[in-house]
Amino acid sequence: MNVRRQGETFVAEDGGAVLGSARVTGEGAVVLELAEPSEGVALALIRAVGASQPHTDDRGGLAPSFGSVHLQTDDQSAVAKLVGTLVPRVFRSAATAVSPVRNGWVCVYNEVADRDPRRLERLGRELSNAAGFVTFTIGVEDGLAVHFIAFERGRILDEYLSVPEYRGQLAPGDAIAMRANPTVISRLTGADAAAVRRVARTADSPVDLPPAEELLDAIAAVLGLEGAGYGFETASELEGVVVVEHA
């Protein structure tokens, strides 16, 4: 399935057949039209609308995304130095905040990646590859879905998305792969596998899950990832945080 923009309308297609469309009204409401009822198509269209409307939360629509990168290390200075050299090579941004050590992890918050899940994923992969540390990206997408990825030396070891088809339809095996592997997560973080299985819930729709920020807090607590509940703006004001400015 592919979602393309046609003027002010987003159109979902598969093999040339139109599956549905979405548009935003002047009042900020999202209007969906589906050829056939499909949760996956609806979510893909909502996701596309959300990406094009970064401030729709002010108008009663989708909330902004936020996220962070967590590196398993006790060396804040080394991470800040790495961020200063690596981030400008990955994408343009004004600044990155690097937290002090929290529970064996250093957290990275970038002002661009914070609101762009794709760039957050890329930043996490690049930091993991460069540093060699176990690394997690974790955040909330559009106020609706919780997403985390576990990396080691730049390679994805596990992934979780609370609504597996939030970004679009998936093959059955790929959807299952988005449900987190408690054994892998336990090995990487020391978290109890049963607790991971309990909190890393998935559903076909966000309405069948707790509010995304509540779910994020529960997952982060089990994984031991402190500071996952906010983004760059909040992080940059906290005591002990180093803000690295990029030219």
C-alpha atoms as a PDB file:
ATOM      1  CA  MET A   1       0.000   0.000   0.000  1.00  0.00           C
ATOM      2  CA  ASN A   2       1.171   3.513  -0.847  1.00  0.00           C
ATOM      3  CA  VAL A   3      -0.110   6.836   0.473  1.00  0.00           C
ATOM      4  CA  ARG A   4       0.390   9.875  -1.745  1.00  0.00           C
ATOM      5  CA  ARG A   5      -0.616  13.495  -1.450  1.00  0.00           C
ATOM      6  CA  GLN A   6      -2.893  15.007  -4.089  1.00  0.00           C
ATOM      7  CA  GLY A   7      -3.365  18.676  -3.303  1.00  0.00           C
ATOM      8  CA  GLU A   8      -4.936  18.838   0.153  1.00  0.00           C
ATOM      9  CA  THR A   9      -6.030  15.193   0.033  1.00  0.00           C
ATOM     10  CA  PHE A  10      -4.087  12.053   0.938  1.00  0.00           C
ATOM     11  CA  VAL A  11      -4.873   8.974  -1.140  1.00  0.00           C
ATOM     12  CA  ALA A  12      -4.098   5.357  -0.192  1.00  0.00           C
ATOM     13  CA  GLU A  13      -3.557   3.009  -3.134  1.00  0.00           C
ATOM     14  CA  ASP A  14      -2.605  -0.608  -3.685  1.00  0.00           C
ATOM     15  CA  GLY A  15      -1.748  -1.834  -7.161  1.00  0.00           C
ATOM     16  CA  GLY A  16      -3.469   1.161  -8.728  1.00  0.00           C
ATOM     17  CA  ALA A  17      -6.694   0.654  -6.777  1.00  0.00           C
ATOM     18  CA  VAL A  18      -7.780   3.483  -4.472  1.00  0.00           C
ATOM     19  CA  LEU A  19      -8.353   2.164  -0.951  1.00  0.00           C
ATOM     20  CA  GLY A  20      -9.313   5.432   0.683  1.00  0.00           C
ATOM     21  CA  SER A  21      -8.585   9.116   1.173  1.00  0.00           C
ATOM     22  CA  ALA A  22      -8.244  11.666   3.948  1.00  0.00           C
ATOM     23  CA  ARG A  23      -8.355  15.443   4.158  1.00  0.00           C
ATOM     24  CA  VAL A  24      -8.333  18.095   6.879  1.00  0.00           C
ATOM     25  CA  THR A  25     -11.234  20.526   7.029  1.00  0.00           C
ATOM     26  CA  GLY A  26     -10.869  24.210   7.809  1.00  0.00           C
ATOM     27  CA  GLU A  27     -11.908  23.438  11.385  1.00  0.00           C
ATOM     28  CA  GLY A  28      -9.072  20.928  11.754  1.00  0.00           C
ATOM     29  CA  ALA A  29     -11.187  17.762  11.592  1.00  0.00           C
ATOM     30  CA  VAL A  30      -9.870  14.772   9.637  1.00  0.00           C
ATOM     31  CA  VAL A  31     -12.367  13.402   7.092  1.00  0.00           C
ATOM     32  CA  LEU A  32     -11.787   9.779   6.054  1.00  0.00           C
ATOM     33  CA  GLU A  33     -13.375   8.049   3.067  1.00  0.00           C
ATOM     34  CA  LEU A  34     -12.642   4.314   2.712  1.00  0.00           C
ATOM     35  CA  ALA A  35     -13.514   2.030  -0.203  1.00  0.00           C
ATOM     36  CA  GLU A  36     -13.980  -0.746   2.364  1.00  0.00           C
ATOM     37  CA  PRO A  37     -13.685  -0.700   6.166  1.00  0.00           C
ATOM     38  CA  SER A  38     -10.003  -1.186   7.017  1.00  0.00           C
ATOM     39  CA  GLU A  39      -8.213  -0.244  10.246  1.00  0.00           C
ATOM     40  CA  GLY A  40      -4.825  -0.433   8.501  1.00  0.00           C
ATOM     41  CA  VAL A  41      -5.801   1.908   5.669  1.00  0.00           C
ATOM     42  CA  ALA A  42      -7.429   4.360   8.075  1.00  0.00           C
ATOM     43  CA  LEU A  43      -4.358   4.462  10.314  1.00  0.00           C
ATOM     44  CA  ALA A  44      -1.999   4.901   7.348  1.00  0.00           C
ATOM     45  CA  LEU A  45      -4.030   7.884   6.137  1.00  0.00           C
ATOM     46  CA  ILE A  46      -4.232   9.405   9.627  1.00  0.00           C
ATOM     47  CA  ARG A  47      -0.472   8.949   9.970  1.00  0.00           C
ATOM     48  CA  ALA A  48       0.120  10.790   6.676  1.00  0.00           C
ATOM     49  CA  VAL A  49      -2.181  13.630   7.706  1.00  0.00           C
ATOM     50  CA  GLY A  50      -0.438  13.869  11.063  1.00  0.00           C
ATOM     51  CA  ALA A  51       2.991  14.111   9.448  1.00  0.00           C
ATOM     52  CA  SER A  52       1.795  17.046   7.350  1.00  0.00           C
ATOM     53  CA  GLN A  53       0.073  18.845  10.229  1.00  0.00           C
ATOM     54  CA  PRO A  54       2.689  19.305  12.977  1.00  0.00           C
ATOM     55  CA  HIS A  55       0.447  21.576  15.069  1.00  0.00           C
ATOM     56  CA  THR A  56      -2.906  19.854  14.736  1.00  0.00           C
ATOM     57  CA  ASP A  57      -3.066  19.300  18.483  1.00  0.00           C
ATOM     58  CA  ASP A  58      -3.865  23.014  18.880  1.00  0.00           C
ATOM     59  CA  ARG A  59      -6.928  22.510  16.702  1.00  0.00           C
ATOM     60  CA  GLY A  60      -8.196  19.351  18.324  1.00  0.00           C
ATOM     61  CA  GLY A  61      -6.497  16.909  15.958  1.00  0.00           C
ATOM     62  CA  LEU A  62      -3.428  14.710  16.303  1.00  0.00           C
ATOM     63  CA  ALA A  63      -0.918  15.496  19.028  1.00  0.00           C
ATOM     64  CA  PRO A  64       2.759  15.986  18.161  1.00  0.00           C
ATOM     65  CA  SER A  65       5.203  13.117  18.351  1.00  0.00           C
ATOM     66  CA  PHE A  66       8.080  13.061  20.820  1.00  0.00           C
ATOM     67  CA  GLY A  67      10.870  10.635  21.598  1.00  0.00           C
ATOM     68  CA  SER A  68      14.370  10.075  22.895  1.00  0.00           C
ATOM     69  CA  VAL A  69      17.446   7.902  22.415  1.00  0.00           C
ATOM     70  CA  HIS A  70      18.861   5.961  25.379  1.00  0.00           C
ATOM     71  CA  LEU A  71      22.447   4.664  25.345  1.00  0.00           C
ATOM     72  CA  GLN A  72      23.600   2.075  27.874  1.00  0.00           C
ATOM     73  CA  THR A  73      26.647   3.861  29.273  1.00  0.00           C
ATOM     74  CA  ASP A  74      27.763   5.891  32.280  1.00  0.00           C
ATOM     75  CA  ASP A  75      29.786   8.435  30.276  1.00  0.00           C
ATOM     76  CA  GLN A  76      27.764  11.578  29.586  1.00  0.00           C
ATOM     77  CA  SER A  77      30.815  13.472  28.310  1.00  0.00           C
ATOM     78  CA  ALA A  78      31.603  10.837  25.686  1.00  0.00           C
ATOM     79  CA  VAL A  79      28.013  10.860  24.449  1.00  0.00           C
ATOM     80  CA  ALA A  80      27.947  14.673  24.282  1.00  0.00           C
ATOM     81  CA  LYS A  81      31.170  14.648  22.274  1.00  0.00           C
ATOM     82  CA  LEU A  82      29.808  11.984  19.919  1.00  0.00           C
ATOM     83  CA  VAL A  83      26.563  13.915  19.471  1.00  0.00           C
ATOM     84  CA  GLY A  84      28.502  17.060  18.568  1.00  0.00           C
ATOM     85  CA  THR A  85      30.310  15.359  15.697  1.00  0.00           C
ATOM     86  CA  LEU A  86      27.697  12.849  14.525  1.00  0.00           C
ATOM     87  CA  VAL A  87      24.378  14.704  14.522  1.00  0.00           C
ATOM     88  CA  PRO A  88      25.376  17.318  11.886  1.00  0.00           C
ATOM     89  CA  ARG A  89      26.308  14.451   9.566  1.00  0.00           C
ATOM     90  CA  VAL A  90      22.937  12.767  10.020  1.00  0.00           C
ATOM     91  CA  PHE A  91      20.571  15.738   9.553  1.00  0.00           C
ATOM     92  CA  ARG A  92      20.354  19.480  10.124  1.00  0.00           C
ATOM     93  CA  SER A  93      19.226  20.592  13.573  1.00  0.00           C
ATOM     94  CA  ALA A  94      19.917  23.419  15.984  1.00  0.00           C
ATOM     95  CA  ALA A  95      20.659  21.514  19.187  1.00  0.00           C
ATOM     96  CA  THR A  96      20.727  18.205  21.035  1.00  0.00           C
ATOM     97  CA  ALA A  97      20.315  17.681  24.788  1.00  0.00           C
ATOM     98  CA  VAL A  98      22.337  14.981  26.566  1.00  0.00           C
ATOM     99  CA  SER A  99      21.225  13.892  30.027  1.00  0.00           C
ATOM    100  CA  PRO A 100      23.369  12.868  32.973  1.00  0.00           C
ATOM    101  CA  VAL A 101      23.554   9.144  33.702  1.00  0.00           C
ATOM    102  CA  ARG A 102      20.213   7.753  34.872  1.00  0.00           C
ATOM    103  CA  ASN A 103      19.981   4.147  35.970  1.00  0.00           C
ATOM    104  CA  GLY A 104      22.893   3.179  33.717  1.00  0.00           C
ATOM    105  CA  TRP A 105      21.673   5.063  30.633  1.00  0.00           C
ATOM    106  CA  VAL A 106      22.441   8.424  29.020  1.00  0.00           C
ATOM    107  CA  CYS A 107      19.504   9.970  27.145  1.00  0.00           C
ATOM    108  CA  VAL A 108      19.727  12.016  23.954  1.00  0.00           C
ATOM    109  CA  TYR A 109      16.992  14.442  22.870  1.00  0.00           C
ATOM    110  CA  ASN A 110      17.269  16.166  19.494  1.00  0.00           C
ATOM    111  CA  GLU A 111      15.003  19.085  18.612  1.00  0.00           C
ATOM    112  CA  VAL A 112      14.308  17.743  15.105  1.00  0.00           C
ATOM    113  CA  ALA A 113      14.232  13.986  15.749  1.00  0.00           C
ATOM    114  CA  ASP A 114      12.011  14.657  18.761  1.00  0.00           C
ATOM    115  CA  ARG A 115       9.002  15.300  16.527  1.00  0.00           C
ATOM    116  CA  ASP A 116       9.978  13.037  13.596  1.00  0.00           C
ATOM    117  CA  PRO A 117       9.940   9.288  14.413  1.00  0.00           C
ATOM    118  CA  ARG A 118      11.845   8.398  11.230  1.00  0.00           C
ATOM    119  CA  ARG A 119      14.705  10.719  12.122  1.00  0.00           C
ATOM    120  CA  LEU A 120      14.645   9.503  15.710  1.00  0.00           C
ATOM    121  CA  GLU A 121      15.115   5.955  14.444  1.00  0.00           C
ATOM    122  CA  ARG A 122      17.964   7.060  12.195  1.00  0.00           C
ATOM    123  CA  LEU A 123      19.658   8.943  15.026  1.00  0.00           C
ATOM    124  CA  GLY A 124      19.405   5.943  17.323  1.00  0.00           C
ATOM    125  CA  ARG A 125      20.870   3.629  14.712  1.00  0.00           C
ATOM    126  CA  GLU A 126      23.777   5.972  13.958  1.00  0.00           C
ATOM    127  CA  LEU A 127      24.588   6.552  17.631  1.00  0.00           C
ATOM    128  CA  SER A 128      24.476   2.829  18.348  1.00  0.00           C
ATOM    129  CA  ASN A 129      26.703   2.058  15.385  1.00  0.00           C
ATOM    130  CA  ALA A 130      29.241   4.741  16.302  1.00  0.00           C
ATOM    131  CA  ALA A 131      29.336   4.075  20.048  1.00  0.00           C
ATOM    132  CA  GLY A 132      28.772   0.331  20.072  1.00  0.00           C
ATOM    133  CA  PHE A 133      26.390   0.603  23.027  1.00  0.00           C
ATOM    134  CA  VAL A 134      23.027  -1.060  23.436  1.00  0.00           C
ATOM    135  CA  THR A 135      20.676   1.730  22.369  1.00  0.00           C
ATOM    136  CA  PHE A 136      16.914   2.267  22.513  1.00  0.00           C
ATOM    137  CA  THR A 137      14.786   4.785  20.688  1.00  0.00           C
ATOM    138  CA  ILE A 138      11.428   5.219  22.388  1.00  0.00           C
ATOM    139  CA  GLY A 139       8.566   7.659  22.043  1.00  0.00           C
ATOM    140  CA  VAL A 140       4.962   8.419  21.212  1.00  0.00           C
ATOM    141  CA  GLU A 141       3.814   8.948  17.623  1.00  0.00           C
ATOM    142  CA  ASP A 142       1.022  11.488  17.072  1.00  0.00           C
ATOM    143  CA  GLY A 143      -0.166  10.975  20.638  1.00  0.00           C
ATOM    144  CA  LEU A 144      -1.573   7.610  19.564  1.00  0.00           C
ATOM    145  CA  ALA A 145       1.078   4.876  19.351  1.00  0.00           C
ATOM    146  CA  VAL A 146       4.121   3.899  21.429  1.00  0.00           C
ATOM    147  CA  HIS A 147       7.189   2.801  19.490  1.00  0.00           C
ATOM    148  CA  PHE A 148      10.571   1.527  20.605  1.00  0.00           C
ATOM    149  CA  ILE A 149      13.520  -0.029  18.802  1.00  0.00           C
ATOM    150  CA  ALA A 150      16.468  -1.793  20.423  1.00  0.00           C
ATOM    151  CA  PHE A 151      19.828  -1.538  18.650  1.00  0.00           C
ATOM    152  CA  GLU A 152      23.250  -3.012  19.254  1.00  0.00           C
ATOM    153  CA  ARG A 153      26.164  -1.766  17.139  1.00  0.00           C
ATOM    154  CA  GLY A 154      23.666  -0.263  14.705  1.00  0.00           C
ATOM    155  CA  ARG A 155      21.712  -3.484  14.198  1.00  0.00           C
ATOM    156  CA  ILE A 156      18.042  -3.777  15.155  1.00  0.00           C
ATOM    157  CA  LEU A 157      17.597  -6.481  17.787  1.00  0.00           C
ATOM    158  CA  ASP A 158      13.940  -5.924  18.605  1.00  0.00           C
ATOM    159  CA  GLU A 159      11.074  -3.564  17.838  1.00  0.00           C
ATOM    160  CA  TYR A 160       7.713  -2.743  19.368  1.00  0.00           C
ATOM    161  CA  LEU A 161       4.802  -0.689  18.071  1.00  0.00           C
ATOM    162  CA  SER A 162       1.685  -0.623  20.215  1.00  0.00           C
ATOM    163  CA  VAL A 163      -0.499  -0.516  17.092  1.00  0.00           C
ATOM    164  CA  PRO A 164       1.551  -2.740  14.745  1.00  0.00           C
ATOM    165  CA  GLU A 165      -0.085  -1.430  11.559  1.00  0.00           C
ATOM    166  CA  TYR A 166      -0.097   2.220  12.628  1.00  0.00           C
ATOM    167  CA  ARG A 167       2.363   3.105   9.865  1.00  0.00           C
ATOM    168  CA  GLY A 168       0.560   0.983   7.275  1.00  0.00           C
ATOM    169  CA  GLN A 169      -0.501  -2.563   6.520  1.00  0.00           C
ATOM    170  CA  LEU A 170       1.993  -5.329   7.302  1.00  0.00           C
ATOM    171  CA  ALA A 171       2.366  -8.971   6.417  1.00  0.00           C
ATOM    172  CA  PRO A 172       1.173 -11.177   9.311  1.00  0.00           C
ATOM    173  CA  GLY A 173       4.728 -12.147  10.260  1.00  0.00           C
ATOM    174  CA  ASP A 174       5.875  -8.527  10.269  1.00  0.00           C
ATOM    175  CA  ALA A 175       2.960  -7.498  12.484  1.00  0.00           C
ATOM    176  CA  ILE A 176       3.873 -10.187  15.007  1.00  0.00           C
ATOM    177  CA  ALA A 177       7.495  -8.986  14.960  1.00  0.00           C
ATOM    178  CA  MET A 178       6.305  -5.570  16.186  1.00  0.00           C
ATOM    179  CA  ARG A 179       5.060  -7.019  19.486  1.00  0.00           C
ATOM    180  CA  ALA A 180       8.411  -7.012  21.314  1.00  0.00           C
ATOM    181  CA  ASN A 181      10.436 -10.045  22.359  1.00  0.00           C
ATOM    182  CA  PRO A 182      10.504 -10.184  26.177  1.00  0.00           C
ATOM    183  CA  THR A 183      13.524 -12.512  26.193  1.00  0.00           C
ATOM    184  CA  VAL A 184      15.609 -10.148  24.061  1.00  0.00           C
ATOM    185  CA  ILE A 185      14.522  -7.085  26.029  1.00  0.00           C
ATOM    186  CA  SER A 186      15.312  -8.843  29.300  1.00  0.00           C
ATOM    187  CA  ARG A 187      18.814  -9.684  28.081  1.00  0.00           C
ATOM    188  CA  LEU A 188      19.482  -6.112  26.973  1.00  0.00           C
ATOM    189  CA  THR A 189      18.021  -4.255  29.948  1.00  0.00           C
ATOM    190  CA  GLY A 190      17.795  -6.720  32.819  1.00  0.00           C
ATOM    191  CA  ALA A 191      14.026  -6.212  32.913  1.00  0.00           C
ATOM    192  CA  ASP A 192      11.804  -9.067  34.018  1.00  0.00           C
ATOM    193  CA  ALA A 193      10.584 -10.837  30.876  1.00  0.00           C
ATOM    194  CA  ALA A 194       7.127 -11.452  32.322  1.00  0.00           C
ATOM    195  CA  ALA A 195       6.787  -7.760  33.164  1.00  0.00           C
ATOM    196  CA  VAL A 196       7.828  -6.803  29.625  1.00  0.00           C
ATOM    197  CA  ARG A 197       5.230  -9.167  28.212  1.00  0.00           C
ATOM    198  CA  ARG A 198       2.588  -7.682  30.503  1.00  0.00           C
ATOM    199  CA  VAL A 199       3.158  -3.990  29.738  1.00  0.00           C
ATOM    200  CA  ALA A 200       4.144  -4.129  26.045  1.00  0.00           C
ATOM    201  CA  ARG A 201       0.552  -4.461  24.914  1.00  0.00           C
ATOM    202  CA  THR A 202      -0.581  -4.250  21.293  1.00  0.00           C
ATOM    203  CA  ALA A 203      -3.943  -3.740  19.626  1.00  0.00           C
ATOM    204  CA  ASP A 204      -5.428  -3.072  16.211  1.00  0.00           C
ATOM    205  CA  SER A 205      -6.465   0.433  17.263  1.00  0.00           C
ATOM    206  CA  PRO A 206      -5.219   3.015  19.796  1.00  0.00           C
ATOM    207  CA  VAL A 207      -8.691   3.105  21.352  1.00  0.00           C
ATOM    208  CA  ASP A 208      -8.172  -0.453  22.610  1.00  0.00           C
ATOM    209  CA  LEU A 209      -5.089   0.530  24.634  1.00  0.00           C
ATOM    210  CA  PRO A 210      -4.363   2.889  27.541  1.00  0.00           C
ATOM    211  CA  PRO A 211      -3.499   6.483  26.534  1.00  0.00           C
ATOM    212  CA  ALA A 212      -0.182   6.432  24.686  1.00  0.00           C
ATOM    213  CA  GLU A 213       1.737   8.505  27.240  1.00  0.00           C
ATOM    214  CA  GLU A 214       0.475   6.292  30.066  1.00  0.00           C
ATOM    215  CA  LEU A 215       1.528   3.184  28.139  1.00  0.00           C
ATOM    216  CA  LEU A 216       4.929   4.727  27.411  1.00  0.00           C
ATOM    217  CA  ASP A 217       5.505   5.465  31.100  1.00  0.00           C
ATOM    218  CA  ALA A 218       4.658   1.883  32.055  1.00  0.00           C
ATOM    219  CA  ILE A 219       6.964   0.385  29.431  1.00  0.00           C
ATOM    220  CA  ALA A 220       9.844   2.749  30.209  1.00  0.00           C
ATOM    221  CA  ALA A 221       9.551   1.965  33.923  1.00  0.00           C
ATOM    222  CA  VAL A 222       9.859  -1.777  33.299  1.00  0.00           C
ATOM    223  CA  LEU A 223      12.802  -1.281  30.919  1.00  0.00           C
ATOM    224  CA  GLY A 224      14.520   1.108  33.332  1.00  0.00           C
ATOM    225  CA  LEU A 225      14.591   3.952  30.801  1.00  0.00           C
ATOM    226  CA  GLU A 226      14.253   7.110  32.870  1.00  0.00           C
ATOM    227  CA  GLY A 227      13.406  10.337  31.063  1.00  0.00           C
ATOM    228  CA  ALA A 228      11.395   8.717  28.267  1.00  0.00           C
ATOM    229  CA  GLY A 229       8.215  10.639  29.031  1.00  0.00           C
ATOM    230  CA  TYR A 230       9.157  13.966  27.439  1.00  0.00           C
ATOM    231  CA  GLY A 231      11.066  15.452  24.542  1.00  0.00           C
ATOM    232  CA  PHE A 232      13.750  18.014  23.778  1.00  0.00           C
ATOM    233  CA  GLU A 233      12.005  21.133  25.081  1.00  0.00           C
ATOM    234  CA  THR A 234      11.558  19.746  28.589  1.00  0.00           C
ATOM    235  CA  ALA A 235      14.869  17.870  28.670  1.00  0.00           C
ATOM    236  CA  SER A 236      16.920  20.914  27.706  1.00  0.00           C
ATOM    237  CA  GLU A 237      15.760  22.749  30.851  1.00  0.00           C
ATOM    238  CA  LEU A 238      16.629  20.009  33.342  1.00  0.00           C
ATOM    239  CA  GLU A 239      19.521  20.183  35.786  1.00  0.00           C
ATOM    240  CA  GLY A 240      22.664  18.374  34.684  1.00  0.00           C
ATOM    241  CA  VAL A 241      21.680  18.212  31.024  1.00  0.00           C
ATOM    242  CA  VAL A 242      24.311  19.273  28.474  1.00  0.00           C
ATOM    243  CA  VAL A 243      22.878  21.099  25.461  1.00  0.00           C
ATOM    244  CA  VAL A 244      25.066  20.655  22.381  1.00  0.00           C
ATOM    245  CA  GLU A 245      24.492  23.354  19.772  1.00  0.00           C
ATOM    246  CA  HIS A 246      25.060  22.532  16.107  1.00  0.00           C
ATOM    247  CA  ALA A 247      26.370  25.116  13.673  1.00  0.00           C
END
